[in-house]
Amino acid sequence: MMWSDHGAWGVGHWLAMSFTMLLIWGLVTALVVWLVRDSRNPHGRPTGEPSQAGRADEVLAERFASGEIDEAEFTRGRTLLHAPGAGS
């Protein structure tokens, strides 16, 4: 009565609806993957790569532990590493 084609959908309508559903679910999946990856890496650094300051801290600690440097040099090095603008 209100439908001119008596409610029958053509092939074009079904293809458009199927494509739209695939697009929507693809976007939802991409959003979930992006959110999960972003939550695992909150500082924006590539996963598995220590920051330059972090690596320098490790080297400084290793040198102190092996006796290459004394406590004063270790403390001075840490102070310099963690000063504003250092390690950028």
PDB file of N, CA and C in Angstrom:
ATOM      1  N   MET A   1       0.813  -1.175   0.000  1.00  0.00           N
ATOM      2  CA  MET A   1       0.000   0.000   0.000  1.00  0.00           C
ATOM      3  C   MET A   1       0.874   1.263   0.000  1.00  0.00           C
ATOM      4  N   MET A   2       1.717   1.394   1.052  1.00  0.00           N
ATOM      5  CA  MET A   2       2.589   2.553   1.088  1.00  0.00           C
ATOM      6  C   MET A   2       3.855   2.305   0.292  1.00  0.00           C
ATOM      7  N   TRP A   3       4.218   1.039   0.119  1.00  0.00           N
ATOM      8  CA  TRP A   3       5.421   0.679  -0.601  1.00  0.00           C
ATOM      9  C   TRP A   3       5.083   0.530  -2.072  1.00  0.00           C
ATOM     10  N   SER A   4       5.844   1.197  -2.892  1.00  0.00           N
ATOM     11  CA  SER A   4       5.536   1.113  -4.322  1.00  0.00           C
ATOM     12  C   SER A   4       5.949  -0.230  -4.905  1.00  0.00           C
ATOM     13  N   ASP A   5       7.004  -0.845  -4.280  1.00  0.00           N
ATOM     14  CA  ASP A   5       7.448  -2.140  -4.816  1.00  0.00           C
ATOM     15  C   ASP A   5       7.071  -3.279  -3.873  1.00  0.00           C
ATOM     16  N   HIS A   6       6.097  -3.070  -3.035  1.00  0.00           N
ATOM     17  CA  HIS A   6       5.563  -4.071  -2.110  1.00  0.00           C
ATOM     18  C   HIS A   6       6.610  -4.604  -1.141  1.00  0.00           C
ATOM     19  N   GLY A   7       7.568  -3.764  -0.742  1.00  0.00           N
ATOM     20  CA  GLY A   7       8.548  -4.140   0.259  1.00  0.00           C
ATOM     21  C   GLY A   7       9.694  -4.982  -0.250  1.00  0.00           C
ATOM     22  N   ALA A   8       9.768  -5.239  -1.510  1.00  0.00           N
ATOM     23  CA  ALA A   8      10.846  -6.069  -2.047  1.00  0.00           C
ATOM     24  C   ALA A   8      12.085  -5.205  -2.293  1.00  0.00           C
ATOM     25  N   TRP A   9      13.202  -5.634  -1.764  1.00  0.00           N
ATOM     26  CA  TRP A   9      14.450  -4.911  -1.964  1.00  0.00           C
ATOM     27  C   TRP A   9      15.193  -5.537  -3.133  1.00  0.00           C
ATOM     28  N   GLY A  10      15.855  -4.708  -3.880  1.00  0.00           N
ATOM     29  CA  GLY A  10      16.633  -5.211  -4.999  1.00  0.00           C
ATOM     30  C   GLY A  10      18.025  -5.628  -4.538  1.00  0.00           C
ATOM     31  N   VAL A  11      18.773  -6.206  -5.466  1.00  0.00           N
ATOM     32  CA  VAL A  11      20.132  -6.661  -5.179  1.00  0.00           C
ATOM     33  C   VAL A  11      21.017  -5.494  -4.757  1.00  0.00           C
ATOM     34  N   GLY A  12      20.841  -4.347  -5.362  1.00  0.00           N
ATOM     35  CA  GLY A  12      21.636  -3.164  -5.038  1.00  0.00           C
ATOM     36  C   GLY A  12      21.481  -2.745  -3.590  1.00  0.00           C
ATOM     37  N   HIS A  13      20.259  -2.829  -3.075  1.00  0.00           N
ATOM     38  CA  HIS A  13      20.030  -2.483  -1.674  1.00  0.00           C
ATOM     39  C   HIS A  13      20.761  -3.452  -0.739  1.00  0.00           C
ATOM     40  N   TRP A  14      20.709  -4.729  -1.048  1.00  0.00           N
ATOM     41  CA  TRP A  14      21.377  -5.724  -0.206  1.00  0.00           C
ATOM     42  C   TRP A  14      22.888  -5.559  -0.246  1.00  0.00           C
ATOM     43  N   LEU A  15      23.445  -5.266  -1.418  1.00  0.00           N
ATOM     44  CA  LEU A  15      24.890  -5.052  -1.521  1.00  0.00           C
ATOM     45  C   LEU A  15      25.323  -3.809  -0.745  1.00  0.00           C
ATOM     46  N   ALA A  16      24.549  -2.738  -0.855  1.00  0.00           N
ATOM     47  CA  ALA A  16      24.873  -1.514  -0.131  1.00  0.00           C
ATOM     48  C   ALA A  16      24.805  -1.745   1.371  1.00  0.00           C
ATOM     49  N   MET A  17      23.796  -2.461   1.822  1.00  0.00           N
ATOM     50  CA  MET A  17      23.649  -2.749   3.251  1.00  0.00           C
ATOM     51  C   MET A  17      24.797  -3.643   3.744  1.00  0.00           C
ATOM     52  N   SER A  18      25.175  -4.629   2.975  1.00  0.00           N
ATOM     53  CA  SER A  18      26.274  -5.521   3.363  1.00  0.00           C
ATOM     54  C   SER A  18      27.595  -4.759   3.432  1.00  0.00           C
ATOM     55  N   PHE A  19      27.864  -3.925   2.442  1.00  0.00           N
ATOM     56  CA  PHE A  19      29.081  -3.127   2.426  1.00  0.00           C
ATOM     57  C   PHE A  19      29.123  -2.178   3.623  1.00  0.00           C
ATOM     58  N   THR A  20      27.999  -1.555   3.931  1.00  0.00           N
ATOM     59  CA  THR A  20      27.933  -0.632   5.065  1.00  0.00           C
ATOM     60  C   THR A  20      28.212  -1.363   6.378  1.00  0.00           C
ATOM     61  N   MET A  21      27.664  -2.543   6.550  1.00  0.00           N
ATOM     62  CA  MET A  21      27.906  -3.312   7.779  1.00  0.00           C
ATOM     63  C   MET A  21      29.376  -3.714   7.892  1.00  0.00           C
ATOM     64  N   LEU A  22      29.988  -4.137   6.783  1.00  0.00           N
ATOM     65  CA  LEU A  22      31.410  -4.474   6.808  1.00  0.00           C
ATOM     66  C   LEU A  22      32.251  -3.248   7.164  1.00  0.00           C
ATOM     67  N   LEU A  23      31.900  -2.109   6.610  1.00  0.00           N
ATOM     68  CA  LEU A  23      32.613  -0.874   6.903  1.00  0.00           C
ATOM     69  C   LEU A  23      32.484  -0.491   8.381  1.00  0.00           C
ATOM     70  N   ILE A  24      31.285  -0.577   8.912  1.00  0.00           N
ATOM     71  CA  ILE A  24      31.065  -0.237  10.325  1.00  0.00           C
ATOM     72  C   ILE A  24      31.857  -1.172  11.232  1.00  0.00           C
ATOM     73  N   TRP A  25      31.773  -2.477  11.015  1.00  0.00           N
ATOM     74  CA  TRP A  25      32.497  -3.429  11.867  1.00  0.00           C
ATOM     75  C   TRP A  25      34.006  -3.304  11.693  1.00  0.00           C
ATOM     76  N   GLY A  26      34.452  -2.971  10.498  1.00  0.00           N
ATOM     77  CA  GLY A  26      35.884  -2.733  10.281  1.00  0.00           C
ATOM     78  C   GLY A  26      36.365  -1.527  11.070  1.00  0.00           C
ATOM     79  N   LEU A  27      35.586  -0.456  11.083  1.00  0.00           N
ATOM     80  CA  LEU A  27      35.946   0.733  11.854  1.00  0.00           C
ATOM     81  C   LEU A  27      35.940   0.456  13.356  1.00  0.00           C
ATOM     82  N   VAL A  28      34.951  -0.292  13.823  1.00  0.00           N
ATOM     83  CA  VAL A  28      34.890  -0.647  15.247  1.00  0.00           C
ATOM     84  C   VAL A  28      36.108  -1.486  15.637  1.00  0.00           C
ATOM     85  N   THR A  29      36.463  -2.454  14.811  1.00  0.00           N
ATOM     86  CA  THR A  29      37.627  -3.299  15.085  1.00  0.00           C
ATOM     87  C   THR A  29      38.911  -2.479  15.084  1.00  0.00           C
ATOM     88  N   ALA A  30      39.070  -1.584  14.114  1.00  0.00           N
ATOM     89  CA  ALA A  30      40.262  -0.735  14.055  1.00  0.00           C
ATOM     90  C   ALA A  30      40.350   0.160  15.292  1.00  0.00           C
ATOM     91  N   LEU A  31      39.234   0.692  15.749  1.00  0.00           N
ATOM     92  CA  LEU A  31      39.219   1.530  16.941  1.00  0.00           C
ATOM     93  C   LEU A  31      39.636   0.744  18.181  1.00  0.00           C
ATOM     94  N   VAL A  32      39.122  -0.472  18.330  1.00  0.00           N
ATOM     95  CA  VAL A  32      39.478  -1.298  19.487  1.00  0.00           C
ATOM     96  C   VAL A  32      40.970  -1.635  19.460  1.00  0.00           C
ATOM     97  N   VAL A  33      41.500  -2.015  18.299  1.00  0.00           N
ATOM     98  CA  VAL A  33      42.927  -2.334  18.184  1.00  0.00           C
ATOM     99  C   VAL A  33      43.765  -1.113  18.522  1.00  0.00           C
ATOM    100  N   TRP A  34      43.386   0.050  18.017  1.00  0.00           N
ATOM    101  CA  TRP A  34      44.128   1.284  18.297  1.00  0.00           C
ATOM    102  C   TRP A  34      44.100   1.613  19.780  1.00  0.00           C
ATOM    103  N   LEU A  35      42.946   1.474  20.429  1.00  0.00           N
ATOM    104  CA  LEU A  35      42.838   1.770  21.860  1.00  0.00           C
ATOM    105  C   LEU A  35      43.677   0.814  22.701  1.00  0.00           C
ATOM    106  N   VAL A  36      43.681  -0.463  22.340  1.00  0.00           N
ATOM    107  CA  VAL A  36      44.470  -1.446  23.095  1.00  0.00           C
ATOM    108  C   VAL A  36      45.956  -1.150  22.950  1.00  0.00           C
ATOM    109  N   ARG A  37      46.411  -0.888  21.736  1.00  0.00           N
ATOM    110  CA  ARG A  37      47.833  -0.579  21.525  1.00  0.00           C
ATOM    111  C   ARG A  37      48.227   0.704  22.228  1.00  0.00           C
ATOM    112  N   ASP A  38      47.368   1.712  22.198  1.00  0.00           N
ATOM    113  CA  ASP A  38      47.665   2.990  22.829  1.00  0.00           C
ATOM    114  C   ASP A  38      47.707   2.851  24.346  1.00  0.00           C
ATOM    115  N   SER A  39      46.856   2.008  24.925  1.00  0.00           N
ATOM    116  CA  SER A  39      46.847   1.847  26.380  1.00  0.00           C
ATOM    117  C   SER A  39      48.076   1.081  26.876  1.00  0.00           C
ATOM    118  N   ARG A  40      48.665   0.246  26.022  1.00  0.00           N
ATOM    119  CA  ARG A  40      49.878  -0.481  26.406  1.00  0.00           C
ATOM    120  C   ARG A  40      51.119   0.388  26.318  1.00  0.00           C
ATOM    121  N   ASN A  41      51.048   1.500  25.608  1.00  0.00           N
ATOM    122  CA  ASN A  41      52.190   2.366  25.390  1.00  0.00           C
ATOM    123  C   ASN A  41      51.781   3.811  25.702  1.00  0.00           C
ATOM    124  N   PRO A  42      51.599   4.136  27.000  1.00  0.00           N
ATOM    125  CA  PRO A  42      51.033   5.430  27.358  1.00  0.00           C
ATOM    126  C   PRO A  42      51.935   6.628  27.090  1.00  0.00           C
ATOM    127  N   HIS A  43      53.236   6.443  26.941  1.00  0.00           N
ATOM    128  CA  HIS A  43      54.135   7.587  26.772  1.00  0.00           C
ATOM    129  C   HIS A  43      54.451   7.882  25.319  1.00  0.00           C
ATOM    130  N   GLY A  44      53.892   7.133  24.391  1.00  0.00           N
ATOM    131  CA  GLY A  44      54.099   7.394  22.988  1.00  0.00           C
ATOM    132  C   GLY A  44      55.443   6.923  22.449  1.00  0.00           C
ATOM    133  N   ARG A  45      56.205   6.194  23.252  1.00  0.00           N
ATOM    134  CA  ARG A  45      57.493   5.673  22.782  1.00  0.00           C
ATOM    135  C   ARG A  45      57.269   4.339  22.086  1.00  0.00           C
ATOM    136  N   PRO A  46      58.086   4.022  21.109  1.00  0.00           N
ATOM    137  CA  PRO A  46      57.983   2.694  20.508  1.00  0.00           C
ATOM    138  C   PRO A  46      58.225   1.612  21.563  1.00  0.00           C
ATOM    139  N   THR A  47      57.394   0.591  21.548  1.00  0.00           N
ATOM    140  CA  THR A  47      57.495  -0.471  22.534  1.00  0.00           C
ATOM    141  C   THR A  47      58.826  -1.189  22.423  1.00  0.00           C
ATOM    142  N   GLY A  48      59.454  -1.455  23.569  1.00  0.00           N
ATOM    143  CA  GLY A  48      60.706  -2.196  23.594  1.00  0.00           C
ATOM    144  C   GLY A  48      61.943  -1.332  23.496  1.00  0.00           C
ATOM    145  N   GLU A  49      61.790  -0.052  23.229  1.00  0.00           N
ATOM    146  CA  GLU A  49      62.945   0.834  23.133  1.00  0.00           C
ATOM    147  C   GLU A  49      62.996   1.740  24.358  1.00  0.00           C
ATOM    148  N   PRO A  50      64.041   1.638  25.172  1.00  0.00           N
ATOM    149  CA  PRO A  50      64.137   2.538  26.318  1.00  0.00           C
ATOM    150  C   PRO A  50      64.431   3.959  25.861  1.00  0.00           C
ATOM    151  N   SER A  51      64.036   4.914  26.675  1.00  0.00           N
ATOM    152  CA  SER A  51      64.338   6.298  26.335  1.00  0.00           C
ATOM    153  C   SER A  51      65.835   6.529  26.463  1.00  0.00           C
ATOM    154  N   GLN A  52      66.330   7.625  25.901  1.00  0.00           N
ATOM    155  CA  GLN A  52      67.759   7.917  25.976  1.00  0.00           C
ATOM    156  C   GLN A  52      68.181   8.111  27.427  1.00  0.00           C
ATOM    157  N   ALA A  53      67.372   8.824  28.205  1.00  0.00           N
ATOM    158  CA  ALA A  53      67.709   9.044  29.615  1.00  0.00           C
ATOM    159  C   ALA A  53      67.691   7.725  30.381  1.00  0.00           C
ATOM    160  N   GLY A  54      66.742   6.834  30.042  1.00  0.00           N
ATOM    161  CA  GLY A  54      66.669   5.536  30.711  1.00  0.00           C
ATOM    162  C   GLY A  54      67.895   4.688  30.425  1.00  0.00           C
ATOM    163  N   ARG A  55      68.331   4.680  29.188  1.00  0.00           N
ATOM    164  CA  ARG A  55      69.531   3.909  28.815  1.00  0.00           C
ATOM    165  C   ARG A  55      70.769   4.511  29.472  1.00  0.00           C
ATOM    166  N   ALA A  56      70.856   5.847  29.512  1.00  0.00           N
ATOM    167  CA  ALA A  56      71.994   6.496  30.158  1.00  0.00           C
ATOM    168  C   ALA A  56      72.026   6.182  31.650  1.00  0.00           C
ATOM    169  N   ASP A  57      70.847   6.116  32.274  1.00  0.00           N
ATOM    170  CA  ASP A  57      70.783   5.733  33.692  1.00  0.00           C
ATOM    171  C   ASP A  57      71.333   4.322  33.896  1.00  0.00           C
ATOM    172  N   GLU A  58      70.973   3.422  32.985  1.00  0.00           N
ATOM    173  CA  GLU A  58      71.455   2.043  33.096  1.00  0.00           C
ATOM    174  C   GLU A  58      72.980   1.982  32.989  1.00  0.00           C
ATOM    175  N   VAL A  59      73.543   2.706  32.023  1.00  0.00           N
ATOM    176  CA  VAL A  59      74.994   2.711  31.832  1.00  0.00           C
ATOM    177  C   VAL A  59      75.679   3.300  33.060  1.00  0.00           C
ATOM    178  N   LEU A  60      75.125   4.388  33.582  1.00  0.00           N
ATOM    179  CA  LEU A  60      75.688   5.024  34.773  1.00  0.00           C
ATOM    180  C   LEU A  60      75.657   4.064  35.959  1.00  0.00           C
ATOM    181  N   ALA A  61      74.535   3.376  36.135  1.00  0.00           N
ATOM    182  CA  ALA A  61      74.419   2.413  37.241  1.00  0.00           C
ATOM    183  C   ALA A  61      75.393   1.251  37.066  1.00  0.00           C
ATOM    184  N   GLU A  62      75.565   0.781  35.829  1.00  0.00           N
ATOM    185  CA  GLU A  62      76.517  -0.312  35.578  1.00  0.00           C
ATOM    186  C   GLU A  62      77.947   0.118  35.896  1.00  0.00           C
ATOM    187  N   ARG A  63      78.297   1.332  35.492  1.00  0.00           N
ATOM    188  CA  ARG A  63      79.650   1.837  35.765  1.00  0.00           C
ATOM    189  C   ARG A  63      79.875   2.004  37.266  1.00  0.00           C
ATOM    190  N   PHE A  64      78.858   2.462  37.985  1.00  0.00           N
ATOM    191  CA  PHE A  64      78.968   2.611  39.436  1.00  0.00           C
ATOM    192  C   PHE A  64      79.096   1.243  40.107  1.00  0.00           C
ATOM    193  N   ALA A  65      78.288   0.286  39.633  1.00  0.00           N
ATOM    194  CA  ALA A  65      78.313  -1.059  40.217  1.00  0.00           C
ATOM    195  C   ALA A  65      79.653  -1.746  39.971  1.00  0.00           C
ATOM    196  N   SER A  66      80.271  -1.492  38.824  1.00  0.00           N
ATOM    197  CA  SER A  66      81.542  -2.150  38.524  1.00  0.00           C
ATOM    198  C   SER A  66      82.739  -1.426  39.148  1.00  0.00           C
ATOM    199  N   GLY A  67      82.479  -0.250  39.739  1.00  0.00           N
ATOM    200  CA  GLY A  67      83.561   0.473  40.393  1.00  0.00           C
ATOM    201  C   GLY A  67      84.309   1.438  39.487  1.00  0.00           C
ATOM    202  N   GLU A  68      83.848   1.647  38.272  1.00  0.00           N
ATOM    203  CA  GLU A  68      84.509   2.575  37.358  1.00  0.00           C
ATOM    204  C   GLU A  68      84.383   4.025  37.835  1.00  0.00           C
ATOM    205  N   ILE A  69      83.243   4.334  38.474  1.00  0.00           N
ATOM    206  CA  ILE A  69      83.037   5.689  38.988  1.00  0.00           C
ATOM    207  C   ILE A  69      82.666   5.606  40.462  1.00  0.00           C
ATOM    208  N   ASP A  70      82.900   6.695  41.182  1.00  0.00           N
ATOM    209  CA  ASP A  70      82.554   6.705  42.609  1.00  0.00           C
ATOM    210  C   ASP A  70      81.158   7.298  42.805  1.00  0.00           C
ATOM    211  N   GLU A  71      80.737   7.354  44.059  1.00  0.00           N
ATOM    212  CA  GLU A  71      79.380   7.807  44.376  1.00  0.00           C
ATOM    213  C   GLU A  71      79.158   9.265  43.957  1.00  0.00           C
ATOM    214  N   ALA A  72      80.158  10.110  44.137  1.00  0.00           N
ATOM    215  CA  ALA A  72      80.026  11.519  43.773  1.00  0.00           C
ATOM    216  C   ALA A  72      79.801  11.674  42.262  1.00  0.00           C
ATOM    217  N   GLU A  73      80.558  10.928  41.449  1.00  0.00           N
ATOM    218  CA  GLU A  73      80.373  10.994  39.995  1.00  0.00           C
ATOM    219  C   GLU A  73      79.012  10.442  39.587  1.00  0.00           C
ATOM    220  N   PHE A  74      78.591   9.375  40.265  1.00  0.00           N
ATOM    221  CA  PHE A  74      77.294   8.778  39.990  1.00  0.00           C
ATOM    222  C   PHE A  74      76.176   9.786  40.284  1.00  0.00           C
ATOM    223  N   THR A  75      76.249  10.417  41.443  1.00  0.00           N
ATOM    224  CA  THR A  75      75.233  11.392  41.833  1.00  0.00           C
ATOM    225  C   THR A  75      75.228  12.591  40.879  1.00  0.00           C
ATOM    226  N   ARG A  76      76.397  13.075  40.520  1.00  0.00           N
ATOM    227  CA  ARG A  76      76.487  14.213  39.615  1.00  0.00           C
ATOM    228  C   ARG A  76      75.918  13.843  38.233  1.00  0.00           C
ATOM    229  N   GLY A  77      76.241  12.650  37.765  1.00  0.00           N
ATOM    230  CA  GLY A  77      75.723  12.193  36.478  1.00  0.00           C
ATOM    231  C   GLY A  77      74.206  12.074  36.475  1.00  0.00           C
ATOM    232  N   ARG A  78      73.651  11.524  37.546  1.00  0.00           N
ATOM    233  CA  ARG A  78      72.188  11.402  37.658  1.00  0.00           C
ATOM    234  C   ARG A  78      71.529  12.767  37.694  1.00  0.00           C
ATOM    235  N   THR A  79      72.150  13.706  38.425  1.00  0.00           N
ATOM    236  CA  THR A  79      71.602  15.065  38.503  1.00  0.00           C
ATOM    237  C   THR A  79      71.582  15.711  37.129  1.00  0.00           C
ATOM    238  N   LEU A  80      72.664  15.548  36.380  1.00  0.00           N
ATOM    239  CA  LEU A  80      72.740  16.129  35.040  1.00  0.00           C
ATOM    240  C   LEU A  80      71.731  15.476  34.088  1.00  0.00           C
ATOM    241  N   LEU A  81      71.578  14.167  34.205  1.00  0.00           N
ATOM    242  CA  LEU A  81      70.638  13.460  33.324  1.00  0.00           C
ATOM    243  C   LEU A  81      69.188  13.888  33.549  1.00  0.00           C
ATOM    244  N   HIS A  82      68.865  14.137  34.801  1.00  0.00           N
ATOM    245  CA  HIS A  82      67.465  14.428  35.130  1.00  0.00           C
ATOM    246  C   HIS A  82      67.193  15.918  35.256  1.00  0.00           C
ATOM    247  N   ALA A  83      68.150  16.747  34.867  1.00  0.00           N
ATOM    248  CA  ALA A  83      67.929  18.191  34.851  1.00  0.00           C
ATOM    249  C   ALA A  83      66.962  18.532  33.718  1.00  0.00           C
ATOM    250  N   PRO A  84      66.151  19.570  33.887  1.00  0.00           N
ATOM    251  CA  PRO A  84      65.216  19.965  32.804  1.00  0.00           C
ATOM    252  C   PRO A  84      65.988  20.231  31.508  1.00  0.00           C
ATOM    253  N   GLY A  85      65.495  19.670  30.426  1.00  0.00           N
ATOM    254  CA  GLY A  85      66.122  19.859  29.120  1.00  0.00           C
ATOM    255  C   GLY A  85      67.193  18.847  28.790  1.00  0.00           C
ATOM    256  N   ALA A  86      67.585  18.001  29.730  1.00  0.00           N
ATOM    257  CA  ALA A  86      68.613  16.991  29.474  1.00  0.00           C
ATOM    258  C   ALA A  86      67.962  15.756  28.843  1.00  0.00           C
ATOM    259  N   GLY A  87      68.697  15.118  27.941  1.00  0.00           N
ATOM    260  CA  GLY A  87      68.247  13.860  27.348  1.00  0.00           C
ATOM    261  C   GLY A  87      67.152  14.021  26.316  1.00  0.00           C
ATOM    262  N   SER A  88      66.928  15.218  25.815  1.00  0.00           N
ATOM    263  CA  SER A  88      65.865  15.435  24.832  1.00  0.00           C
ATOM    264  C   SER A  88      66.306  15.008  23.465  1.00  0.00           C
TER     265      SER A  88
END
